[in-house]
Amino acid sequence: MNRILIVEDESRIASFLEKGLRKQGYEVEIATNGHEAIAKATTTPYDLLLLDLGLPGKDGWAVLRELRQSSQKLPVIIVTARDGETDRAEILQQGANDYLSKPFRFSELLEKVKRQLA
């Protein structure tokens, strides 16, 4: 069973993602801030990280940067309200594997998750 870490500070969105992914057979955990995300991602084996950029404490950019600097190969899908062309390019340049702009359809997220776990 694939393990996914959702890093999202909005409880409604985190719960929506958790329920949907669990229903699809994934094992899911949630982190609500950047510090918790780093702690979990570096001590627990996950197959995928869904990462919001706007987090309290340590933002998603810092989380991604820290994971990549530590040679962490964990696939990361950024889930963000930012959807400008510059942001998209920067997200990929910083080492994310994919991104999804909020709001989104769960079916689109699920396809991106499946692609990263294939």
Protein backbone atom coordinates (compact mmCIF):
# COMPACT_ATOMS: atom_id res chain seq x y z
CA MET A 1 0.00 0.00 0.00
CA ASN A 2 1.40 3.42 -0.98
CA ARG A 3 1.90 5.98 1.78
CA ILE A 4 1.12 9.63 1.11
CA LEU A 5 1.91 12.61 3.31
CA ILE A 6 -0.45 15.55 2.85
CA VAL A 7 0.99 18.86 4.01
CA GLU A 8 -1.93 21.28 4.21
CA ASP A 9 -2.89 23.80 6.90
CA GLU A 10 -6.51 24.23 5.80
CA SER A 11 -8.33 21.46 7.66
CA ARG A 12 -11.22 21.30 5.17
CA ILE A 13 -8.88 20.69 2.24
CA ALA A 14 -6.70 18.25 4.20
CA SER A 15 -9.76 16.25 5.25
CA PHE A 16 -11.13 16.20 1.68
CA LEU A 17 -7.81 14.90 0.33
CA GLU A 18 -7.39 12.37 3.12
CA LYS A 19 -10.87 10.90 2.71
CA GLY A 20 -10.61 10.71 -1.08
CA LEU A 21 -7.18 9.10 -1.09
CA ARG A 22 -8.08 6.61 1.66
CA LYS A 23 -11.13 5.62 -0.36
CA GLN A 24 -8.75 4.85 -3.25
CA GLY A 25 -6.71 2.54 -1.00
CA TYR A 26 -3.83 4.82 -0.03
CA GLU A 27 -2.42 5.11 3.47
CA VAL A 28 -2.50 8.80 4.34
CA GLU A 29 -1.04 11.05 7.04
CA ILE A 30 -1.39 14.80 7.46
CA ALA A 31 1.06 17.49 8.53
CA THR A 32 -0.33 20.98 9.13
CA ASN A 33 2.86 23.03 9.00
CA GLY A 34 6.32 22.98 7.45
CA HIS A 35 8.21 21.90 10.55
CA GLU A 36 5.92 18.89 11.04
CA ALA A 37 6.26 18.06 7.33
CA ILE A 38 10.06 17.95 7.50
CA ALA A 39 9.99 15.89 10.69
CA LYS A 40 7.63 13.32 9.19
CA ALA A 41 9.16 13.21 5.71
CA THR A 42 12.67 12.64 7.03
CA THR A 43 11.79 9.98 9.61
CA THR A 44 8.96 8.02 7.99
CA PRO A 45 9.05 6.39 4.56
CA TYR A 46 6.45 7.89 2.24
CA ASP A 47 5.88 7.23 -1.43
CA LEU A 48 4.54 10.71 -2.23
CA LEU A 49 4.20 14.17 -0.70
CA LEU A 50 1.31 16.52 -1.49
CA LEU A 51 2.60 19.94 -0.45
CA ASP A 52 0.83 23.28 -0.07
CA LEU A 53 3.09 26.32 -0.44
CA GLY A 54 1.32 28.63 2.03
CA LEU A 55 2.08 26.98 5.36
CA PRO A 56 2.59 28.43 8.83
CA GLY A 57 6.06 28.32 10.34
CA LYS A 58 8.12 27.00 7.47
CA ASP A 59 6.44 27.53 4.10
CA GLY A 60 6.18 24.95 1.33
CA TRP A 61 9.10 26.48 -0.60
CA ALA A 62 11.37 25.97 2.41
CA VAL A 63 10.09 22.41 2.89
CA LEU A 64 10.76 21.54 -0.76
CA ARG A 65 14.19 23.16 -0.68
CA GLU A 66 15.17 21.35 2.52
CA LEU A 67 14.00 17.98 1.19
CA ARG A 68 15.91 18.42 -2.06
CA GLN A 69 19.08 19.64 -0.31
CA SER A 70 19.01 16.53 1.87
CA SER A 71 18.96 14.41 -1.31
CA GLN A 72 15.44 13.28 -0.47
CA LYS A 73 14.06 11.67 -3.66
CA LEU A 74 10.46 11.63 -2.41
CA PRO A 75 8.14 12.66 -5.27
CA VAL A 76 6.42 15.97 -4.50
CA ILE A 77 3.24 17.35 -6.00
CA ILE A 78 2.67 21.00 -5.12
CA VAL A 79 -1.00 21.82 -4.48
CA THR A 80 -1.31 25.60 -4.52
CA ALA A 81 -3.60 28.55 -5.11
CA ARG A 82 -0.77 30.17 -7.09
CA ASP A 83 -1.23 29.52 -10.78
CA GLY A 84 0.80 32.16 -12.59
CA GLU A 85 3.16 31.00 -15.33
CA THR A 86 6.16 32.19 -13.32
CA ASP A 87 5.05 30.21 -10.29
CA ARG A 88 4.61 27.04 -12.34
CA ALA A 89 8.09 27.28 -13.82
CA GLU A 90 9.62 28.08 -10.43
CA ILE A 91 7.81 25.16 -8.77
CA LEU A 92 9.35 22.72 -11.23
CA GLN A 93 12.77 24.41 -11.14
CA GLN A 94 12.84 24.08 -7.35
CA GLY A 95 12.50 20.31 -7.64
CA ALA A 96 8.80 19.52 -7.48
CA ASN A 97 7.69 16.64 -9.68
CA ASP A 98 4.30 18.16 -10.54
CA TYR A 99 1.83 20.79 -9.41
CA LEU A 100 -1.90 21.33 -9.21
CA SER A 101 -3.67 24.68 -8.90
CA LYS A 102 -6.51 25.16 -6.42
CA PRO A 103 -9.38 24.76 -6.94
CA PHE A 104 -9.08 21.39 -8.64
CA ARG A 105 -11.09 18.29 -9.34
CA PHE A 106 -10.23 15.26 -7.24
CA SER A 107 -10.05 13.13 -10.39
CA GLU A 108 -7.25 15.37 -11.72
CA LEU A 109 -5.31 15.05 -8.46
CA LEU A 110 -5.81 11.29 -8.49
CA GLU A 111 -4.33 11.02 -12.00
CA LYS A 112 -1.28 13.01 -10.95
CA VAL A 113 -0.88 10.83 -7.85
CA LYS A 114 -1.11 7.64 -9.92
CA ARG A 115 1.43 8.99 -12.43
CA GLN A 116 3.96 9.73 -9.68
CA LEU A 117 3.48 6.34 -8.02
CA ALA A 118 3.71 4.34 -11.26
